[in-house]
N, C-alpha and C. Protein backbone atom coordinates (compact mmCIF):
# COMPACT_ATOMS: atom_id res chain seq x y z
N MET A 1 -2.58 -18.13 -30.96
CA MET A 1 -2.33 -19.18 -29.98
C MET A 1 -2.22 -18.53 -28.61
N GLY A 2 -3.00 -19.02 -27.65
CA GLY A 2 -3.02 -18.44 -26.32
C GLY A 2 -2.07 -19.15 -25.38
N VAL A 3 -2.03 -18.66 -24.19
CA VAL A 3 -1.21 -19.26 -23.14
C VAL A 3 -2.15 -20.03 -22.22
N THR A 4 -1.70 -21.19 -21.75
CA THR A 4 -2.50 -21.99 -20.83
C THR A 4 -1.86 -21.94 -19.46
N TYR A 5 -2.71 -21.82 -18.44
CA TYR A 5 -2.24 -21.79 -17.06
C TYR A 5 -2.83 -22.97 -16.32
N LYS A 6 -1.98 -23.76 -15.69
CA LYS A 6 -2.42 -24.90 -14.90
C LYS A 6 -1.95 -24.65 -13.47
N TYR A 7 -2.90 -24.41 -12.58
CA TYR A 7 -2.57 -24.17 -11.18
C TYR A 7 -2.54 -25.50 -10.45
N PHE A 8 -1.57 -25.67 -9.59
CA PHE A 8 -1.46 -26.93 -8.85
C PHE A 8 -0.78 -26.68 -7.51
N GLY A 9 -0.85 -27.67 -6.65
CA GLY A 9 -0.22 -27.58 -5.35
C GLY A 9 1.00 -28.48 -5.28
N ALA A 10 2.01 -28.04 -4.55
CA ALA A 10 3.19 -28.85 -4.33
C ALA A 10 3.74 -28.49 -2.95
N PRO A 11 4.41 -29.44 -2.30
CA PRO A 11 4.93 -29.16 -0.96
C PRO A 11 6.07 -28.14 -0.96
N ASP A 12 6.82 -28.06 -2.08
CA ASP A 12 7.95 -27.13 -2.14
C ASP A 12 8.33 -26.85 -3.59
N GLY A 13 9.23 -25.89 -3.76
CA GLY A 13 9.64 -25.48 -5.09
C GLY A 13 10.35 -26.57 -5.87
N ALA A 14 11.12 -27.41 -5.18
CA ALA A 14 11.85 -28.48 -5.87
C ALA A 14 10.87 -29.47 -6.50
N THR A 15 9.82 -29.81 -5.78
CA THR A 15 8.80 -30.72 -6.30
C THR A 15 8.08 -30.05 -7.48
N ALA A 16 7.71 -28.78 -7.31
CA ALA A 16 7.01 -28.05 -8.37
C ALA A 16 7.86 -27.96 -9.62
N ALA A 17 9.17 -27.80 -9.46
CA ALA A 17 10.07 -27.67 -10.60
C ALA A 17 10.16 -28.97 -11.40
N ARG A 18 9.96 -30.10 -10.74
CA ARG A 18 10.04 -31.40 -11.44
C ARG A 18 8.77 -31.75 -12.20
N VAL A 19 7.66 -31.11 -11.89
CA VAL A 19 6.38 -31.48 -12.50
C VAL A 19 6.40 -31.47 -14.02
N PRO A 20 6.84 -30.39 -14.68
CA PRO A 20 6.78 -30.38 -16.14
C PRO A 20 7.68 -31.42 -16.79
N ILE A 21 8.78 -31.79 -16.13
CA ILE A 21 9.71 -32.77 -16.70
C ILE A 21 9.06 -34.14 -16.76
N SER A 22 8.15 -34.41 -15.82
CA SER A 22 7.58 -35.75 -15.70
C SER A 22 6.43 -36.00 -16.67
N MET A 23 5.93 -34.94 -17.34
CA MET A 23 4.80 -35.13 -18.25
C MET A 23 4.72 -34.01 -19.26
N ARG A 24 4.05 -34.26 -20.35
CA ARG A 24 3.87 -33.23 -21.37
C ARG A 24 2.60 -32.45 -21.04
N PRO A 25 2.60 -31.13 -21.26
CA PRO A 25 1.44 -30.31 -20.90
C PRO A 25 0.11 -30.81 -21.44
N GLU A 26 0.10 -31.32 -22.67
CA GLU A 26 -1.18 -31.77 -23.24
C GLU A 26 -1.71 -33.02 -22.53
N GLU A 27 -0.87 -33.69 -21.75
CA GLU A 27 -1.30 -34.87 -21.02
C GLU A 27 -1.78 -34.55 -19.61
N LEU A 28 -1.62 -33.31 -19.19
CA LEU A 28 -1.99 -32.97 -17.82
C LEU A 28 -3.49 -33.02 -17.63
N GLY A 29 -3.90 -33.77 -16.65
CA GLY A 29 -5.32 -33.85 -16.34
C GLY A 29 -5.59 -33.21 -15.00
N GLY A 30 -6.55 -33.75 -14.27
CA GLY A 30 -6.94 -33.14 -13.01
C GLY A 30 -6.04 -33.48 -11.84
N ASP A 31 -5.56 -34.72 -11.75
CA ASP A 31 -4.91 -35.13 -10.51
C ASP A 31 -3.41 -35.37 -10.62
N GLU A 32 -2.87 -35.34 -11.83
CA GLU A 32 -1.44 -35.63 -11.95
C GLU A 32 -0.60 -34.62 -11.19
N LEU A 33 -1.09 -33.39 -11.09
CA LEU A 33 -0.32 -32.36 -10.40
C LEU A 33 -0.73 -32.25 -8.94
N GLY A 34 -1.48 -33.20 -8.47
CA GLY A 34 -1.87 -33.18 -7.07
C GLY A 34 -3.10 -32.34 -6.83
N MET A 35 -3.98 -32.84 -6.03
CA MET A 35 -5.14 -32.12 -5.54
C MET A 35 -6.07 -31.57 -6.61
N GLY A 36 -6.13 -32.19 -7.75
CA GLY A 36 -7.05 -31.72 -8.78
C GLY A 36 -6.80 -30.28 -9.14
N GLY A 37 -5.66 -30.03 -9.76
CA GLY A 37 -5.31 -28.67 -10.16
C GLY A 37 -6.37 -28.05 -11.05
N MET A 38 -6.15 -26.80 -11.41
CA MET A 38 -7.13 -26.06 -12.21
C MET A 38 -6.49 -25.50 -13.47
N PHE A 39 -7.18 -25.67 -14.60
CA PHE A 39 -6.80 -25.01 -15.84
C PHE A 39 -7.58 -23.71 -15.92
N THR A 40 -6.95 -22.64 -16.38
CA THR A 40 -7.68 -21.41 -16.60
C THR A 40 -6.91 -20.54 -17.58
N LYS A 41 -7.57 -19.55 -18.12
CA LYS A 41 -6.91 -18.59 -19.01
C LYS A 41 -6.54 -17.33 -18.24
N ILE A 42 -6.77 -17.32 -16.92
CA ILE A 42 -6.46 -16.15 -16.09
C ILE A 42 -5.00 -16.24 -15.65
N LYS A 43 -4.23 -15.20 -15.94
CA LYS A 43 -2.82 -15.17 -15.58
C LYS A 43 -2.65 -15.21 -14.06
N PRO A 44 -1.57 -15.85 -13.58
CA PRO A 44 -1.36 -15.92 -12.13
C PRO A 44 -1.19 -14.54 -11.49
N GLU A 45 -0.56 -13.60 -12.20
CA GLU A 45 -0.41 -12.27 -11.61
C GLU A 45 -1.75 -11.55 -11.50
N THR A 46 -2.66 -11.84 -12.44
CA THR A 46 -4.00 -11.27 -12.36
C THR A 46 -4.76 -11.88 -11.19
N MET A 47 -4.62 -13.19 -11.02
CA MET A 47 -5.29 -13.87 -9.91
C MET A 47 -4.79 -13.32 -8.58
N ALA A 48 -3.48 -13.14 -8.46
CA ALA A 48 -2.90 -12.59 -7.23
C ALA A 48 -3.45 -11.20 -6.96
N ALA A 49 -3.49 -10.37 -7.98
CA ALA A 49 -3.98 -9.00 -7.82
C ALA A 49 -5.46 -8.99 -7.46
N MET A 50 -6.24 -9.89 -8.05
CA MET A 50 -7.68 -9.95 -7.79
C MET A 50 -7.96 -10.25 -6.32
N VAL A 51 -7.24 -11.22 -5.76
CA VAL A 51 -7.44 -11.59 -4.36
C VAL A 51 -6.92 -10.50 -3.42
N LEU A 52 -5.70 -10.05 -3.67
CA LEU A 52 -5.08 -9.10 -2.75
C LEU A 52 -5.77 -7.74 -2.78
N THR A 53 -6.21 -7.33 -3.95
CA THR A 53 -6.89 -6.03 -4.08
C THR A 53 -8.30 -6.11 -3.50
N GLY A 54 -9.04 -7.17 -3.89
CA GLY A 54 -10.43 -7.28 -3.48
C GLY A 54 -10.65 -7.70 -2.05
N ILE A 55 -9.82 -8.60 -1.54
CA ILE A 55 -10.03 -9.15 -0.20
C ILE A 55 -9.13 -8.49 0.84
N GLU A 56 -7.87 -8.32 0.50
CA GLU A 56 -6.92 -7.77 1.47
C GLU A 56 -6.83 -6.25 1.43
N GLY A 57 -7.39 -5.64 0.38
CA GLY A 57 -7.36 -4.18 0.29
C GLY A 57 -6.00 -3.62 -0.10
N VAL A 58 -5.15 -4.45 -0.69
CA VAL A 58 -3.82 -4.01 -1.11
C VAL A 58 -3.96 -3.19 -2.39
N PRO A 59 -3.35 -2.01 -2.47
CA PRO A 59 -3.41 -1.25 -3.72
C PRO A 59 -2.75 -2.04 -4.85
N LEU A 60 -3.27 -1.91 -6.05
CA LEU A 60 -2.79 -2.69 -7.19
C LEU A 60 -1.27 -2.58 -7.37
N HIS A 61 -0.70 -1.41 -7.19
CA HIS A 61 0.74 -1.23 -7.40
C HIS A 61 1.59 -1.85 -6.28
N LYS A 62 0.96 -2.33 -5.22
CA LYS A 62 1.69 -2.95 -4.10
C LYS A 62 1.61 -4.48 -4.11
N VAL A 63 0.92 -5.05 -5.10
CA VAL A 63 0.80 -6.51 -5.18
C VAL A 63 2.18 -7.10 -5.46
N PRO A 64 2.65 -8.05 -4.63
CA PRO A 64 4.01 -8.58 -4.81
C PRO A 64 4.17 -9.38 -6.10
N PRO A 65 5.38 -9.40 -6.65
CA PRO A 65 5.62 -10.18 -7.87
C PRO A 65 5.60 -11.68 -7.56
N LEU A 66 5.38 -12.47 -8.58
CA LEU A 66 5.40 -13.92 -8.42
C LEU A 66 6.85 -14.40 -8.43
N GLU A 67 7.09 -15.54 -7.81
CA GLU A 67 8.43 -16.10 -7.77
C GLU A 67 8.58 -17.11 -8.91
N LEU A 68 9.57 -16.89 -9.76
CA LEU A 68 9.83 -17.81 -10.87
C LEU A 68 10.58 -19.02 -10.34
N VAL A 69 10.03 -20.21 -10.55
CA VAL A 69 10.66 -21.45 -10.08
C VAL A 69 11.48 -22.07 -11.19
N VAL A 70 10.91 -22.13 -12.40
CA VAL A 70 11.59 -22.70 -13.56
C VAL A 70 11.25 -21.85 -14.79
N LEU A 71 12.26 -21.54 -15.58
CA LEU A 71 12.02 -20.92 -16.89
C LEU A 71 12.69 -21.81 -17.92
N HIS A 72 11.89 -22.42 -18.76
CA HIS A 72 12.34 -23.38 -19.76
C HIS A 72 11.85 -22.86 -21.11
N PRO A 73 12.51 -23.20 -22.22
CA PRO A 73 12.00 -22.70 -23.51
C PRO A 73 10.55 -23.09 -23.81
N ASP A 74 10.08 -24.20 -23.24
CA ASP A 74 8.73 -24.68 -23.53
C ASP A 74 7.70 -24.36 -22.45
N TYR A 75 8.12 -23.97 -21.27
CA TYR A 75 7.18 -23.71 -20.18
C TYR A 75 7.87 -22.91 -19.07
N ALA A 76 7.07 -22.46 -18.15
CA ALA A 76 7.58 -21.82 -16.93
C ALA A 76 6.74 -22.32 -15.77
N VAL A 77 7.32 -22.32 -14.58
CA VAL A 77 6.58 -22.62 -13.36
C VAL A 77 6.80 -21.43 -12.43
N VAL A 78 5.69 -20.88 -11.93
CA VAL A 78 5.79 -19.77 -10.98
C VAL A 78 5.09 -20.15 -9.68
N LYS A 79 5.56 -19.53 -8.60
CA LYS A 79 4.97 -19.77 -7.27
C LYS A 79 4.14 -18.54 -6.91
N LEU A 80 2.91 -18.79 -6.48
CA LEU A 80 2.07 -17.69 -6.02
C LEU A 80 2.33 -17.47 -4.54
N PRO A 81 2.36 -16.22 -4.10
CA PRO A 81 2.56 -15.99 -2.66
C PRO A 81 1.42 -16.60 -1.85
N MET A 82 1.74 -17.08 -0.64
CA MET A 82 0.69 -17.65 0.21
C MET A 82 -0.38 -16.61 0.54
N THR A 83 -0.01 -15.34 0.46
CA THR A 83 -0.98 -14.28 0.73
C THR A 83 -2.10 -14.27 -0.31
N VAL A 84 -1.92 -15.03 -1.39
CA VAL A 84 -2.97 -15.09 -2.40
C VAL A 84 -4.01 -16.14 -2.07
N VAL A 85 -3.58 -17.29 -1.55
CA VAL A 85 -4.54 -18.36 -1.28
C VAL A 85 -5.06 -18.38 0.16
N ASP A 86 -4.24 -17.95 1.11
CA ASP A 86 -4.67 -18.00 2.51
C ASP A 86 -5.92 -17.17 2.81
N PRO A 87 -6.02 -15.93 2.34
CA PRO A 87 -7.19 -15.12 2.71
C PRO A 87 -8.52 -15.71 2.21
N LEU A 88 -8.47 -16.51 1.17
CA LEU A 88 -9.70 -17.06 0.61
C LEU A 88 -10.34 -18.13 1.48
N ARG A 89 -9.55 -18.80 2.30
CA ARG A 89 -10.07 -19.92 3.08
C ARG A 89 -11.10 -19.49 4.11
N ASP A 90 -10.89 -18.35 4.71
CA ASP A 90 -11.69 -17.99 5.87
C ASP A 90 -12.76 -16.92 5.62
N ILE A 91 -13.01 -16.57 4.37
CA ILE A 91 -14.01 -15.53 4.12
C ILE A 91 -15.36 -16.14 3.75
N GLY A 92 -16.41 -15.42 4.06
CA GLY A 92 -17.75 -15.89 3.77
C GLY A 92 -18.26 -15.35 2.44
N GLU A 93 -19.50 -15.70 2.17
CA GLU A 93 -20.17 -15.34 0.93
C GLU A 93 -20.18 -13.82 0.68
N GLU A 94 -20.44 -13.08 1.73
CA GLU A 94 -20.52 -11.62 1.60
C GLU A 94 -19.17 -11.04 1.17
N ALA A 95 -18.09 -11.55 1.76
CA ALA A 95 -16.75 -11.05 1.43
C ALA A 95 -16.35 -11.42 0.01
N VAL A 96 -16.75 -12.61 -0.45
CA VAL A 96 -16.46 -13.00 -1.83
C VAL A 96 -17.18 -12.06 -2.79
N GLY A 97 -18.44 -11.77 -2.49
CA GLY A 97 -19.21 -10.85 -3.33
C GLY A 97 -18.61 -9.45 -3.34
N ALA A 98 -18.19 -8.98 -2.17
CA ALA A 98 -17.58 -7.65 -2.08
C ALA A 98 -16.27 -7.60 -2.85
N ALA A 99 -15.46 -8.66 -2.72
CA ALA A 99 -14.18 -8.71 -3.45
C ALA A 99 -14.41 -8.70 -4.95
N ALA A 100 -15.41 -9.44 -5.42
CA ALA A 100 -15.73 -9.47 -6.85
C ALA A 100 -16.13 -8.08 -7.34
N PHE A 101 -16.94 -7.40 -6.55
CA PHE A 101 -17.37 -6.06 -6.93
C PHE A 101 -16.18 -5.09 -6.95
N ILE A 102 -15.35 -5.16 -5.91
CA ILE A 102 -14.18 -4.28 -5.83
C ILE A 102 -13.29 -4.48 -7.05
N TRP A 103 -12.99 -5.75 -7.37
CA TRP A 103 -12.10 -6.02 -8.51
C TRP A 103 -12.73 -5.51 -9.81
N SER A 104 -14.04 -5.64 -9.95
CA SER A 104 -14.69 -5.20 -11.20
C SER A 104 -14.62 -3.68 -11.39
N THR A 105 -14.30 -2.94 -10.32
CA THR A 105 -14.23 -1.48 -10.42
C THR A 105 -12.81 -0.93 -10.41
N VAL A 106 -11.79 -1.80 -10.24
CA VAL A 106 -10.41 -1.33 -10.19
C VAL A 106 -9.98 -0.89 -11.60
N PRO A 107 -9.51 0.35 -11.74
CA PRO A 107 -9.07 0.81 -13.07
C PRO A 107 -7.70 0.24 -13.44
N ASP A 108 -7.40 0.25 -14.72
CA ASP A 108 -6.07 -0.12 -15.22
C ASP A 108 -5.59 -1.49 -14.78
N ARG A 109 -6.40 -2.48 -15.01
CA ARG A 109 -5.97 -3.84 -14.67
C ARG A 109 -6.51 -4.81 -15.71
N GLY A 110 -5.89 -5.99 -15.78
CA GLY A 110 -6.34 -7.00 -16.73
C GLY A 110 -7.29 -7.97 -16.06
N GLY A 111 -7.72 -8.96 -16.84
CA GLY A 111 -8.58 -10.00 -16.27
C GLY A 111 -10.05 -9.69 -16.44
N PRO A 112 -10.88 -10.58 -15.91
CA PRO A 112 -12.33 -10.43 -16.10
C PRO A 112 -12.84 -9.15 -15.45
N ARG A 113 -13.79 -8.51 -16.12
CA ARG A 113 -14.36 -7.26 -15.61
C ARG A 113 -15.74 -7.46 -15.02
N ASP A 114 -16.44 -8.49 -15.45
CA ASP A 114 -17.79 -8.74 -14.97
C ASP A 114 -17.76 -9.28 -13.54
N ALA A 115 -18.45 -8.61 -12.64
CA ALA A 115 -18.41 -8.97 -11.22
C ALA A 115 -18.87 -10.41 -10.97
N PHE A 116 -19.87 -10.89 -11.72
CA PHE A 116 -20.35 -12.25 -11.50
C PHE A 116 -19.29 -13.28 -11.91
N ASN A 117 -18.59 -13.02 -13.03
CA ASN A 117 -17.51 -13.93 -13.44
C ASN A 117 -16.39 -13.95 -12.41
N VAL A 118 -16.06 -12.78 -11.85
CA VAL A 118 -15.04 -12.70 -10.82
C VAL A 118 -15.50 -13.47 -9.58
N TYR A 119 -16.77 -13.33 -9.23
CA TYR A 119 -17.36 -14.03 -8.09
C TYR A 119 -17.21 -15.55 -8.26
N ARG A 120 -17.57 -16.06 -9.43
CA ARG A 120 -17.44 -17.50 -9.69
C ARG A 120 -15.99 -17.95 -9.61
N LEU A 121 -15.10 -17.15 -10.19
CA LEU A 121 -13.68 -17.47 -10.18
C LEU A 121 -13.13 -17.50 -8.75
N LEU A 122 -13.53 -16.54 -7.94
CA LEU A 122 -13.08 -16.51 -6.54
C LEU A 122 -13.59 -17.72 -5.76
N HIS A 123 -14.79 -18.19 -6.09
CA HIS A 123 -15.30 -19.40 -5.44
C HIS A 123 -14.48 -20.62 -5.82
N GLU A 124 -14.12 -20.72 -7.10
CA GLU A 124 -13.25 -21.83 -7.53
C GLU A 124 -11.93 -21.78 -6.78
N TRP A 125 -11.39 -20.57 -6.64
CA TRP A 125 -10.14 -20.40 -5.93
C TRP A 125 -10.27 -20.68 -4.45
N GLN A 126 -11.44 -20.42 -3.91
CA GLN A 126 -11.67 -20.72 -2.49
C GLN A 126 -11.59 -22.24 -2.28
N ASP A 127 -12.23 -23.00 -3.16
CA ASP A 127 -12.15 -24.47 -3.08
C ASP A 127 -10.71 -24.94 -3.23
N PHE A 128 -10.01 -24.36 -4.21
CA PHE A 128 -8.61 -24.70 -4.46
C PHE A 128 -7.77 -24.41 -3.22
N SER A 129 -8.02 -23.28 -2.58
CA SER A 129 -7.29 -22.86 -1.39
C SER A 129 -7.48 -23.87 -0.24
N HIS A 130 -8.71 -24.36 -0.09
CA HIS A 130 -8.98 -25.36 0.95
C HIS A 130 -8.21 -26.65 0.67
N ARG A 131 -8.20 -27.08 -0.59
CA ARG A 131 -7.48 -28.31 -0.95
C ARG A 131 -5.98 -28.14 -0.71
N LEU A 132 -5.44 -26.98 -1.08
CA LEU A 132 -4.01 -26.73 -0.84
C LEU A 132 -3.69 -26.81 0.65
N HIS A 133 -4.50 -26.14 1.45
CA HIS A 133 -4.26 -26.09 2.90
C HIS A 133 -4.32 -27.49 3.51
N GLU A 134 -5.33 -28.27 3.12
CA GLU A 134 -5.50 -29.61 3.67
C GLU A 134 -4.31 -30.51 3.33
N ALA A 135 -3.72 -30.30 2.16
CA ALA A 135 -2.58 -31.12 1.75
C ALA A 135 -1.25 -30.55 2.25
N GLY A 136 -1.28 -29.34 2.83
CA GLY A 136 -0.04 -28.70 3.27
C GLY A 136 0.80 -28.21 2.10
N HIS A 137 0.14 -27.88 1.01
CA HIS A 137 0.84 -27.45 -0.20
C HIS A 137 0.82 -25.95 -0.39
N GLN A 138 1.70 -25.50 -1.28
CA GLN A 138 1.73 -24.11 -1.72
C GLN A 138 1.20 -24.07 -3.15
N ALA A 139 0.80 -22.90 -3.60
CA ALA A 139 0.22 -22.76 -4.95
C ALA A 139 1.31 -22.45 -5.98
N TYR A 140 1.25 -23.18 -7.08
CA TYR A 140 2.15 -22.97 -8.21
C TYR A 140 1.32 -22.91 -9.48
N CYS A 141 1.94 -22.38 -10.52
CA CYS A 141 1.26 -22.33 -11.82
C CYS A 141 2.23 -22.75 -12.90
N LEU A 142 1.81 -23.71 -13.71
CA LEU A 142 2.55 -24.16 -14.87
C LEU A 142 2.01 -23.38 -16.07
N VAL A 143 2.90 -22.71 -16.79
CA VAL A 143 2.51 -21.84 -17.89
C VAL A 143 3.15 -22.35 -19.17
N TRP A 144 2.35 -22.53 -20.22
CA TRP A 144 2.95 -22.90 -21.49
C TRP A 144 2.11 -22.36 -22.64
N PRO A 145 2.77 -22.11 -23.80
CA PRO A 145 2.02 -21.57 -24.96
C PRO A 145 1.20 -22.64 -25.63
């Protein structure tokens, strides 16, 4: 049994903390969590490292930890640092490609290794980043087994 990650936007931690209480994870669709959240099997800490290492040039060991918003026996909610979604909004195609290549060559890390898969994932995150910014939201991730 794997872990499911649902990324979503919320204006603040209090709102993000209430999300799991209002619905069961298997009922979560695209818009209930605001702005058409994203389901993925990529861990939030891997996503943070992928962006910060590939785009911002931060060494892997310097990537900041995620902030735990809620820890419940059935789920957790974590907040991703704004430094993870902000850099994606303003970069072009060339930078996305370079970031994907850089991440595919970083030793001792988890997540996708194929540069093209990383490239596609970064594009999805770029769209997500734009939606978050337009709504004035921060990025959160709902995690459940």
